[in-house]
Amino acid sequence: MNENQDLHWMTRALALAEQAAALNEVPVGAIVVLDGQIIGEGWNQPISGHDPTAHAEMMALRDAAANMGNYRLADATLYVTIEPCTMCAGAIVHARIKRLVFGAVEPKAGAVVSNSQLFEQPWLNHWPVATGGVMAEQCSEVISQFFRRRRAEKKAQKLAAKVSGERGGAA
């Protein structure tokens, strides 16, 4: 893959991240590409779906596997806006994804470069090639904006509750 293609597909993954944010989910988006075509896509849905496994990567892998009629996605590339966690990295290995392209690193839970470097473990039977940092600033900013907005909303709720309580107590 060339850099222009990576930018093109990451832009699509970012649009899916925005879709997640609009649903008050942590804004992560993912797509699976094979032979220049999107075969699966997903965005974070654990809150709305009441499903701890409904990360963007998992949703995109499920969609791609269903579309292809096969849980093995050999020769496919997964684009995701943030470095995958351990669960998602494991699913990437099991799906036999050839290449992972991610945007921002995830210092707390990232399992590809930030912490366990899962794809480098010798006991695996498949080692996806990982490319990180594609549109990293944009990917990171989407998540930062989301959490800034959530903190502001919580602060406003606390203030409104305090003001409401003061008015209620004065009556």
C-alpha atoms as a PDB file:
ATOM      1  CA  MET A   1       0.000   0.000   0.000  1.00  0.00           C
ATOM      2  CA  ASN A   2       1.161   3.495  -0.609  1.00  0.00           C
ATOM      3  CA  GLU A   3       0.866   6.471   1.702  1.00  0.00           C
ATOM      4  CA  ASN A   4      -1.940   8.114  -0.317  1.00  0.00           C
ATOM      5  CA  GLN A   5      -4.063   4.974  -0.027  1.00  0.00           C
ATOM      6  CA  ASP A   6      -3.417   4.824   3.715  1.00  0.00           C
ATOM      7  CA  LEU A   7      -4.534   8.451   4.052  1.00  0.00           C
ATOM      8  CA  HIS A   8      -7.631   7.783   1.949  1.00  0.00           C
ATOM      9  CA  TRP A   9      -8.745   4.814   4.032  1.00  0.00           C
ATOM     10  CA  MET A  10      -7.866   6.431   7.370  1.00  0.00           C
ATOM     11  CA  THR A  11     -10.059   9.390   6.399  1.00  0.00           C
ATOM     12  CA  ARG A  12     -12.955   6.941   6.064  1.00  0.00           C
ATOM     13  CA  ALA A  13     -12.130   5.396   9.447  1.00  0.00           C
ATOM     14  CA  LEU A  14     -12.134   8.903  10.969  1.00  0.00           C
ATOM     15  CA  ALA A  15     -15.627   9.505   9.563  1.00  0.00           C
ATOM     16  CA  LEU A  16     -16.764   6.350  11.368  1.00  0.00           C
ATOM     17  CA  ALA A  17     -15.113   7.622  14.555  1.00  0.00           C
ATOM     18  CA  GLU A  18     -17.189  10.790  14.240  1.00  0.00           C
ATOM     19  CA  GLN A  19     -20.272   8.585  13.890  1.00  0.00           C
ATOM     20  CA  ALA A  20     -19.370   6.913  17.194  1.00  0.00           C
ATOM     21  CA  ALA A  21     -18.916  10.317  18.863  1.00  0.00           C
ATOM     22  CA  ALA A  22     -22.359  11.393  17.660  1.00  0.00           C
ATOM     23  CA  LEU A  23     -23.736   8.363  19.531  1.00  0.00           C
ATOM     24  CA  ASN A  24     -21.767   9.300  22.693  1.00  0.00           C
ATOM     25  CA  GLU A  25     -19.392   6.385  22.177  1.00  0.00           C
ATOM     26  CA  VAL A  26     -15.611   6.821  22.416  1.00  0.00           C
ATOM     27  CA  PRO A  27     -14.805   7.930  18.846  1.00  0.00           C
ATOM     28  CA  VAL A  28     -12.921   5.068  17.254  1.00  0.00           C
ATOM     29  CA  GLY A  29     -13.578   3.944  13.691  1.00  0.00           C
ATOM     30  CA  ALA A  30     -12.272   1.000  11.684  1.00  0.00           C
ATOM     31  CA  ILE A  31     -12.510  -0.429   8.181  1.00  0.00           C
ATOM     32  CA  VAL A  32     -11.269  -3.607   6.534  1.00  0.00           C
ATOM     33  CA  VAL A  33      -9.994  -3.229   2.980  1.00  0.00           C
ATOM     34  CA  LEU A  34      -9.284  -6.002   0.490  1.00  0.00           C
ATOM     35  CA  ASP A  35      -8.237  -5.452  -3.124  1.00  0.00           C
ATOM     36  CA  GLY A  36      -9.034  -1.742  -2.908  1.00  0.00           C
ATOM     37  CA  GLN A  37     -12.580  -2.284  -1.597  1.00  0.00           C
ATOM     38  CA  ILE A  38     -14.082  -1.849   1.863  1.00  0.00           C
ATOM     39  CA  ILE A  39     -15.327  -5.256   2.962  1.00  0.00           C
ATOM     40  CA  GLY A  40     -16.150  -4.323   6.543  1.00  0.00           C
ATOM     41  CA  GLU A  41     -16.551  -1.308   8.756  1.00  0.00           C
ATOM     42  CA  GLY A  42     -17.300  -0.518  12.343  1.00  0.00           C
ATOM     43  CA  TRP A  43     -17.193   2.038  15.086  1.00  0.00           C
ATOM     44  CA  ASN A  44     -17.179   1.783  18.869  1.00  0.00           C
ATOM     45  CA  GLN A  45     -20.517   0.526  20.194  1.00  0.00           C
ATOM     46  CA  PRO A  46     -19.919  -1.047  23.628  1.00  0.00           C
ATOM     47  CA  ILE A  47     -22.124   1.451  25.484  1.00  0.00           C
ATOM     48  CA  SER A  48     -25.089   1.504  23.101  1.00  0.00           C
ATOM     49  CA  GLY A  49     -24.787  -2.211  22.375  1.00  0.00           C
ATOM     50  CA  HIS A  50     -24.264  -3.258  26.014  1.00  0.00           C
ATOM     51  CA  ASP A  51     -21.351  -5.302  24.673  1.00  0.00           C
ATOM     52  CA  PRO A  52     -17.819  -5.001  26.080  1.00  0.00           C
ATOM     53  CA  THR A  53     -16.434  -6.577  22.892  1.00  0.00           C
ATOM     54  CA  ALA A  54     -18.073  -4.073  20.519  1.00  0.00           C
ATOM     55  CA  HIS A  55     -14.881  -2.121  19.801  1.00  0.00           C
ATOM     56  CA  ALA A  56     -14.545  -0.578  16.339  1.00  0.00           C
ATOM     57  CA  GLU A  57     -12.026  -3.198  15.229  1.00  0.00           C
ATOM     58  CA  MET A  58     -14.235  -6.077  16.358  1.00  0.00           C
ATOM     59  CA  MET A  59     -17.261  -4.625  14.596  1.00  0.00           C
ATOM     60  CA  ALA A  60     -15.284  -4.119  11.368  1.00  0.00           C
ATOM     61  CA  LEU A  61     -13.848  -7.652  11.534  1.00  0.00           C
ATOM     62  CA  ARG A  62     -17.316  -9.138  12.161  1.00  0.00           C
ATOM     63  CA  ASP A  63     -18.756  -7.166   9.254  1.00  0.00           C
ATOM     64  CA  ALA A  64     -15.932  -8.192   6.908  1.00  0.00           C
ATOM     65  CA  ALA A  65     -16.131 -11.859   7.912  1.00  0.00           C
ATOM     66  CA  ALA A  66     -19.890 -11.900   7.342  1.00  0.00           C
ATOM     67  CA  ASN A  67     -19.506 -10.167   3.974  1.00  0.00           C
ATOM     68  CA  MET A  68     -16.782 -12.579   2.871  1.00  0.00           C
ATOM     69  CA  GLY A  69     -18.419 -15.682   4.319  1.00  0.00           C
ATOM     70  CA  ASN A  70     -15.162 -16.534   6.071  1.00  0.00           C
ATOM     71  CA  TYR A  71     -13.636 -15.614   9.412  1.00  0.00           C
ATOM     72  CA  ARG A  72     -10.179 -15.658   7.821  1.00  0.00           C
ATOM     73  CA  LEU A  73      -9.430 -12.327   6.172  1.00  0.00           C
ATOM     74  CA  ALA A  74      -6.039 -13.126   4.653  1.00  0.00           C
ATOM     75  CA  ASP A  75      -4.541 -10.357   2.505  1.00  0.00           C
ATOM     76  CA  ALA A  76      -6.879  -7.745   4.059  1.00  0.00           C
ATOM     77  CA  THR A  77      -5.784  -4.521   5.734  1.00  0.00           C
ATOM     78  CA  LEU A  78      -7.474  -3.156   8.841  1.00  0.00           C
ATOM     79  CA  TYR A  79      -7.459   0.622   9.315  1.00  0.00           C
ATOM     80  CA  VAL A  80      -8.311   1.907  12.792  1.00  0.00           C
ATOM     81  CA  THR A  81      -8.026   5.367  14.270  1.00  0.00           C
ATOM     82  CA  ILE A  82      -6.300   4.241  17.476  1.00  0.00           C
ATOM     83  CA  GLU A  83      -3.858   1.500  18.419  1.00  0.00           C
ATOM     84  CA  PRO A  84      -5.780  -1.710  19.189  1.00  0.00           C
ATOM     85  CA  CYS A  85      -6.147  -3.144  22.682  1.00  0.00           C
ATOM     86  CA  THR A  86      -5.194  -6.719  23.573  1.00  0.00           C
ATOM     87  CA  MET A  87      -8.628  -8.108  22.709  1.00  0.00           C
ATOM     88  CA  CYS A  88      -8.681  -6.470  19.302  1.00  0.00           C
ATOM     89  CA  ALA A  89      -5.047  -7.348  18.549  1.00  0.00           C
ATOM     90  CA  GLY A  90      -5.856 -10.983  19.308  1.00  0.00           C
ATOM     91  CA  ALA A  91      -8.841 -10.897  16.957  1.00  0.00           C
ATOM     92  CA  ILE A  92      -6.644  -9.355  14.249  1.00  0.00           C
ATOM     93  CA  VAL A  93      -4.241 -12.285  14.592  1.00  0.00           C
ATOM     94  CA  HIS A  94      -7.051 -14.872  14.536  1.00  0.00           C
ATOM     95  CA  ALA A  95      -8.620 -13.246  11.459  1.00  0.00           C
ATOM     96  CA  ARG A  96      -5.215 -13.453   9.720  1.00  0.00           C
ATOM     97  CA  ILE A  97      -5.267  -9.755   8.825  1.00  0.00           C
ATOM     98  CA  LYS A  98      -2.188  -9.131   6.701  1.00  0.00           C
ATOM     99  CA  ARG A  99      -1.660  -5.497   7.655  1.00  0.00           C
ATOM    100  CA  LEU A 100      -2.826  -3.188  10.416  1.00  0.00           C
ATOM    101  CA  VAL A 101      -2.712   0.571   9.929  1.00  0.00           C
ATOM    102  CA  PHE A 102      -3.560   2.709  12.946  1.00  0.00           C
ATOM    103  CA  GLY A 103      -3.604   6.407  13.716  1.00  0.00           C
ATOM    104  CA  ALA A 104      -2.843   7.434  17.287  1.00  0.00           C
ATOM    105  CA  VAL A 105      -1.026   5.330  19.848  1.00  0.00           C
ATOM    106  CA  GLU A 106      -2.928   4.339  22.989  1.00  0.00           C
ATOM    107  CA  PRO A 107      -0.423   4.579  25.866  1.00  0.00           C
ATOM    108  CA  LYS A 108      -2.730   2.971  28.444  1.00  0.00           C
ATOM    109  CA  ALA A 109      -4.297   0.054  26.595  1.00  0.00           C
ATOM    110  CA  GLY A 110      -2.492  -0.227  23.258  1.00  0.00           C
ATOM    111  CA  ALA A 111      -1.168  -3.732  22.648  1.00  0.00           C
ATOM    112  CA  VAL A 112       0.707  -3.315  19.361  1.00  0.00           C
ATOM    113  CA  VAL A 113       3.477  -0.801  20.124  1.00  0.00           C
ATOM    114  CA  SER A 114       2.634   0.879  23.440  1.00  0.00           C
ATOM    115  CA  ASN A 115       2.603  -2.084  25.792  1.00  0.00           C
ATOM    116  CA  SER A 116       2.726  -5.812  25.079  1.00  0.00           C
ATOM    117  CA  GLN A 117       3.826  -5.608  21.426  1.00  0.00           C
ATOM    118  CA  LEU A 118       1.530  -8.556  20.820  1.00  0.00           C
ATOM    119  CA  PHE A 119       2.352  -8.936  17.116  1.00  0.00           C
ATOM    120  CA  GLU A 120       6.012  -9.559  17.982  1.00  0.00           C
ATOM    121  CA  GLN A 121       5.387 -12.535  20.247  1.00  0.00           C
ATOM    122  CA  PRO A 122       7.127 -15.693  18.970  1.00  0.00           C
ATOM    123  CA  TRP A 123       4.353 -18.022  20.144  1.00  0.00           C
ATOM    124  CA  LEU A 124       1.825 -16.601  17.672  1.00  0.00           C
ATOM    125  CA  ASN A 125       1.033 -18.450  14.455  1.00  0.00           C
ATOM    126  CA  HIS A 126       0.434 -15.242  12.445  1.00  0.00           C
ATOM    127  CA  TRP A 127       2.182 -11.869  12.592  1.00  0.00           C
ATOM    128  CA  PRO A 128       0.352  -8.941  10.995  1.00  0.00           C
ATOM    129  CA  VAL A 129       2.499  -6.083   9.729  1.00  0.00           C
ATOM    130  CA  ALA A 130       1.674  -2.914  11.682  1.00  0.00           C
ATOM    131  CA  THR A 131       2.022   0.675  10.539  1.00  0.00           C
ATOM    132  CA  GLY A 132       1.220   3.329  13.127  1.00  0.00           C
ATOM    133  CA  GLY A 133       0.989   7.085  13.116  1.00  0.00           C
ATOM    134  CA  VAL A 134      -1.134   7.521   9.977  1.00  0.00           C
ATOM    135  CA  MET A 135      -3.029  10.771  10.534  1.00  0.00           C
ATOM    136  CA  ALA A 136      -2.109  10.439  14.206  1.00  0.00           C
ATOM    137  CA  GLU A 137      -2.800  14.077  15.075  1.00  0.00           C
ATOM    138  CA  GLN A 138      -6.285  14.023  13.582  1.00  0.00           C
ATOM    139  CA  CYS A 139      -7.105  10.678  15.200  1.00  0.00           C
ATOM    140  CA  SER A 140      -5.856  11.854  18.578  1.00  0.00           C
ATOM    141  CA  GLU A 141      -7.715  15.166  18.302  1.00  0.00           C
ATOM    142  CA  VAL A 142     -11.070  13.443  17.686  1.00  0.00           C
ATOM    143  CA  ILE A 143     -10.672  11.533  20.941  1.00  0.00           C
ATOM    144  CA  SER A 144      -9.361  14.565  22.854  1.00  0.00           C
ATOM    145  CA  GLN A 145     -12.312  16.693  21.712  1.00  0.00           C
ATOM    146  CA  PHE A 146     -14.724  13.967  22.760  1.00  0.00           C
ATOM    147  CA  PHE A 147     -13.332  13.722  26.287  1.00  0.00           C
ATOM    148  CA  ARG A 148     -13.088  17.537  26.627  1.00  0.00           C
ATOM    149  CA  ARG A 149     -16.772  17.757  25.713  1.00  0.00           C
ATOM    150  CA  ARG A 150     -17.687  14.971  28.166  1.00  0.00           C
ATOM    151  CA  ARG A 151     -15.769  16.653  31.001  1.00  0.00           C
ATOM    152  CA  ALA A 152     -17.482  19.978  30.239  1.00  0.00           C
ATOM    153  CA  GLU A 153     -20.897  18.306  30.201  1.00  0.00           C
ATOM    154  CA  LYS A 154     -20.263  16.636  33.564  1.00  0.00           C
ATOM    155  CA  LYS A 155     -19.058  19.923  35.042  1.00  0.00           C
ATOM    156  CA  ALA A 156     -22.189  21.695  33.758  1.00  0.00           C
ATOM    157  CA  GLN A 157     -24.396  18.958  35.233  1.00  0.00           C
ATOM    158  CA  LYS A 158     -22.733  19.303  38.638  1.00  0.00           C
ATOM    159  CA  LEU A 159     -23.114  23.079  38.529  1.00  0.00           C
ATOM    160  CA  ALA A 160     -26.770  22.822  37.487  1.00  0.00           C
ATOM    161  CA  ALA A 161     -27.440  20.366  40.311  1.00  0.00           C
ATOM    162  CA  LYS A 162     -25.744  22.675  42.800  1.00  0.00           C
ATOM    163  CA  VAL A 163     -27.695  25.735  41.592  1.00  0.00           C
ATOM    164  CA  SER A 164     -30.924  23.748  41.587  1.00  0.00           C
ATOM    165  CA  GLY A 165     -30.218  22.533  45.125  1.00  0.00           C
ATOM    166  CA  GLU A 166     -29.524  26.076  46.332  1.00  0.00           C
ATOM    167  CA  ARG A 167     -32.779  27.359  44.838  1.00  0.00           C
ATOM    168  CA  GLY A 168     -34.726  24.443  46.245  1.00  0.00           C
ATOM    169  CA  GLY A 169     -33.287  24.995  49.702  1.00  0.00           C
ATOM    170  CA  ALA A 170     -34.120  28.740  49.692  1.00  0.00           C
ATOM    171  CA  ALA A 171     -37.831  28.257  48.989  1.00  0.00           C
END
